[in-house]
Amino acid sequence: MTEIELNTKIFKKDNLDIVYSITGKKLLNGILHYKLKSENSGEIVLSEFAINDRFITDAKHCEKPHNSVSRLFTKIINKGYSTGKSNE
């Protein structure tokens, strides 16, 4: 796993509207932990495993296309879904 630098912006994968900033790092029991801070929350500490599982970095967020909902509907339509009919 690559180490995330201080002051890097990260986003929760399930809610990309909330932005956290890495404010500190600490090694606890051989596991790297990060201190996170958002505009609306106090400081929280999460392990590198939790960060990699639940968050994406600013760089990866910018790489993702912003039309993910449209791509989802395209996949559904390509699999045979049509409006007004049941999905049998």
C-alpha atoms as a PDB file:
ATOM      1  CA  MET A   1       0.000   0.000   0.000  1.00  0.00           C
ATOM      2  CA  THR A   2       1.256   3.460  -0.815  1.00  0.00           C
ATOM      3  CA  GLU A   3       1.457   6.008   1.939  1.00  0.00           C
ATOM      4  CA  ILE A   4      -0.803   9.046   1.618  1.00  0.00           C
ATOM      5  CA  GLU A   5       0.888  12.413   2.135  1.00  0.00           C
ATOM      6  CA  LEU A   6      -0.238  15.043   4.639  1.00  0.00           C
ATOM      7  CA  ASN A   7      -2.828  17.592   3.450  1.00  0.00           C
ATOM      8  CA  THR A   8      -4.086  15.183   0.771  1.00  0.00           C
ATOM      9  CA  LYS A   9      -7.823  15.426   0.137  1.00  0.00           C
ATOM     10  CA  ILE A  10      -9.739  12.149   0.257  1.00  0.00           C
ATOM     11  CA  PHE A  11     -13.398  11.324  -0.385  1.00  0.00           C
ATOM     12  CA  LYS A  12     -15.678   8.627   1.041  1.00  0.00           C
ATOM     13  CA  LYS A  13     -16.497   6.163  -1.712  1.00  0.00           C
ATOM     14  CA  ASP A  14     -20.186   6.074  -0.799  1.00  0.00           C
ATOM     15  CA  ASN A  15     -20.550   9.874  -0.494  1.00  0.00           C
ATOM     16  CA  LEU A  16     -18.183  11.855  -2.701  1.00  0.00           C
ATOM     17  CA  ASP A  17     -19.605  15.162  -1.437  1.00  0.00           C
ATOM     18  CA  ILE A  18     -17.761  14.916   1.884  1.00  0.00           C
ATOM     19  CA  VAL A  19     -14.097  15.888   1.674  1.00  0.00           C
ATOM     20  CA  TYR A  20     -11.569  14.921   4.336  1.00  0.00           C
ATOM     21  CA  SER A  21      -8.018  16.146   4.670  1.00  0.00           C
ATOM     22  CA  ILE A  22      -5.141  14.067   6.068  1.00  0.00           C
ATOM     23  CA  THR A  23      -3.865  16.093   9.042  1.00  0.00           C
ATOM     24  CA  GLY A  24      -1.495  13.584  10.606  1.00  0.00           C
ATOM     25  CA  LYS A  25      -0.006  10.093  10.602  1.00  0.00           C
ATOM     26  CA  LYS A  26       0.868   7.764  13.435  1.00  0.00           C
ATOM     27  CA  LEU A  27       2.193   4.213  13.655  1.00  0.00           C
ATOM     28  CA  LEU A  28       0.193   2.210  16.223  1.00  0.00           C
ATOM     29  CA  ASN A  29       0.894  -1.494  16.830  1.00  0.00           C
ATOM     30  CA  GLY A  30       2.760  -1.691  13.528  1.00  0.00           C
ATOM     31  CA  ILE A  31      -0.190  -0.299  11.554  1.00  0.00           C
ATOM     32  CA  LEU A  32      -0.159   3.150   9.988  1.00  0.00           C
ATOM     33  CA  HIS A  33      -3.088   5.311  11.086  1.00  0.00           C
ATOM     34  CA  TYR A  34      -4.212   8.603   9.578  1.00  0.00           C
ATOM     35  CA  LYS A  35      -5.843  11.575  11.282  1.00  0.00           C
ATOM     36  CA  LEU A  36      -8.685  12.969   9.164  1.00  0.00           C
ATOM     37  CA  LYS A  37     -10.546  16.247   9.398  1.00  0.00           C
ATOM     38  CA  SER A  38     -13.493  17.562   7.421  1.00  0.00           C
ATOM     39  CA  GLU A  39     -15.236  20.917   7.581  1.00  0.00           C
ATOM     40  CA  ASN A  40     -18.154  19.405   9.484  1.00  0.00           C
ATOM     41  CA  SER A  41     -16.471  16.933  11.832  1.00  0.00           C
ATOM     42  CA  GLY A  42     -13.890  16.731  14.529  1.00  0.00           C
ATOM     43  CA  GLU A  43     -10.636  14.889  13.979  1.00  0.00           C
ATOM     44  CA  ILE A  44     -10.940  11.121  13.519  1.00  0.00           C
ATOM     45  CA  VAL A  45      -8.256   8.427  13.312  1.00  0.00           C
ATOM     46  CA  LEU A  46      -8.503   5.490  10.898  1.00  0.00           C
ATOM     47  CA  SER A  47      -6.091   2.729   9.913  1.00  0.00           C
ATOM     48  CA  GLU A  48      -4.538   2.614   6.465  1.00  0.00           C
ATOM     49  CA  PHE A  49      -6.676  -0.461   5.736  1.00  0.00           C
ATOM     50  CA  ALA A  50      -9.891   1.425   6.508  1.00  0.00           C
ATOM     51  CA  ILE A  51      -8.735   4.386   4.419  1.00  0.00           C
ATOM     52  CA  ASN A  52      -7.925   2.190   1.419  1.00  0.00           C
ATOM     53  CA  ASP A  53     -11.214   0.309   1.774  1.00  0.00           C
ATOM     54  CA  ARG A  54     -13.597   3.260   2.271  1.00  0.00           C
ATOM     55  CA  PHE A  55     -11.925   6.295   0.693  1.00  0.00           C
ATOM     56  CA  ILE A  56     -10.408   7.463  -2.586  1.00  0.00           C
ATOM     57  CA  THR A  57      -7.791  10.160  -3.029  1.00  0.00           C
ATOM     58  CA  ASP A  58      -8.360  13.447  -4.813  1.00  0.00           C
ATOM     59  CA  ALA A  59      -6.282  12.236  -7.778  1.00  0.00           C
ATOM     60  CA  LYS A  60      -8.372   9.068  -8.225  1.00  0.00           C
ATOM     61  CA  HIS A  61     -11.602  11.038  -7.765  1.00  0.00           C
ATOM     62  CA  CYS A  62     -10.607  13.354 -10.621  1.00  0.00           C
ATOM     63  CA  GLU A  63      -9.819  10.353 -12.857  1.00  0.00           C
ATOM     64  CA  LYS A  64     -13.346   8.948 -12.496  1.00  0.00           C
ATOM     65  CA  PRO A  65     -15.874  10.097 -15.081  1.00  0.00           C
ATOM     66  CA  HIS A  66     -18.609  12.223 -13.595  1.00  0.00           C
ATOM     67  CA  ASN A  67     -21.375  10.432 -15.484  1.00  0.00           C
ATOM     68  CA  SER A  68     -21.344   7.160 -13.526  1.00  0.00           C
ATOM     69  CA  VAL A  69     -25.153   7.160 -13.242  1.00  0.00           C
ATOM     70  CA  SER A  70     -25.523   7.389 -17.023  1.00  0.00           C
ATOM     71  CA  ARG A  71     -23.080   4.504 -17.445  1.00  0.00           C
ATOM     72  CA  LEU A  72     -25.158   2.445 -15.006  1.00  0.00           C
ATOM     73  CA  PHE A  73     -28.330   3.011 -17.034  1.00  0.00           C
ATOM     74  CA  THR A  74     -26.440   2.188 -20.219  1.00  0.00           C
ATOM     75  CA  LYS A  75     -25.416  -1.158 -18.723  1.00  0.00           C
ATOM     76  CA  ILE A  76     -28.999  -1.876 -17.624  1.00  0.00           C
ATOM     77  CA  ILE A  77     -30.413  -1.007 -21.047  1.00  0.00           C
ATOM     78  CA  ASN A  78     -27.777  -3.105 -22.829  1.00  0.00           C
ATOM     79  CA  LYS A  79     -28.836  -6.110 -20.748  1.00  0.00           C
ATOM     80  CA  GLY A  80     -32.397  -5.935 -22.089  1.00  0.00           C
ATOM     81  CA  TYR A  81     -34.216  -3.546 -19.772  1.00  0.00           C
ATOM     82  CA  SER A  82     -36.787  -1.444 -21.523  1.00  0.00           C
ATOM     83  CA  THR A  83     -39.088   1.171 -20.038  1.00  0.00           C
ATOM     84  CA  GLY A  84     -42.644   0.087 -19.277  1.00  0.00           C
ATOM     85  CA  LYS A  85     -42.022  -3.669 -19.316  1.00  0.00           C
ATOM     86  CA  SER A  86     -41.257  -6.025 -16.478  1.00  0.00           C
ATOM     87  CA  ASN A  87     -37.744  -7.390 -16.086  1.00  0.00           C
ATOM     88  CA  GLU A  88     -38.540 -11.037 -16.875  1.00  0.00           C
END
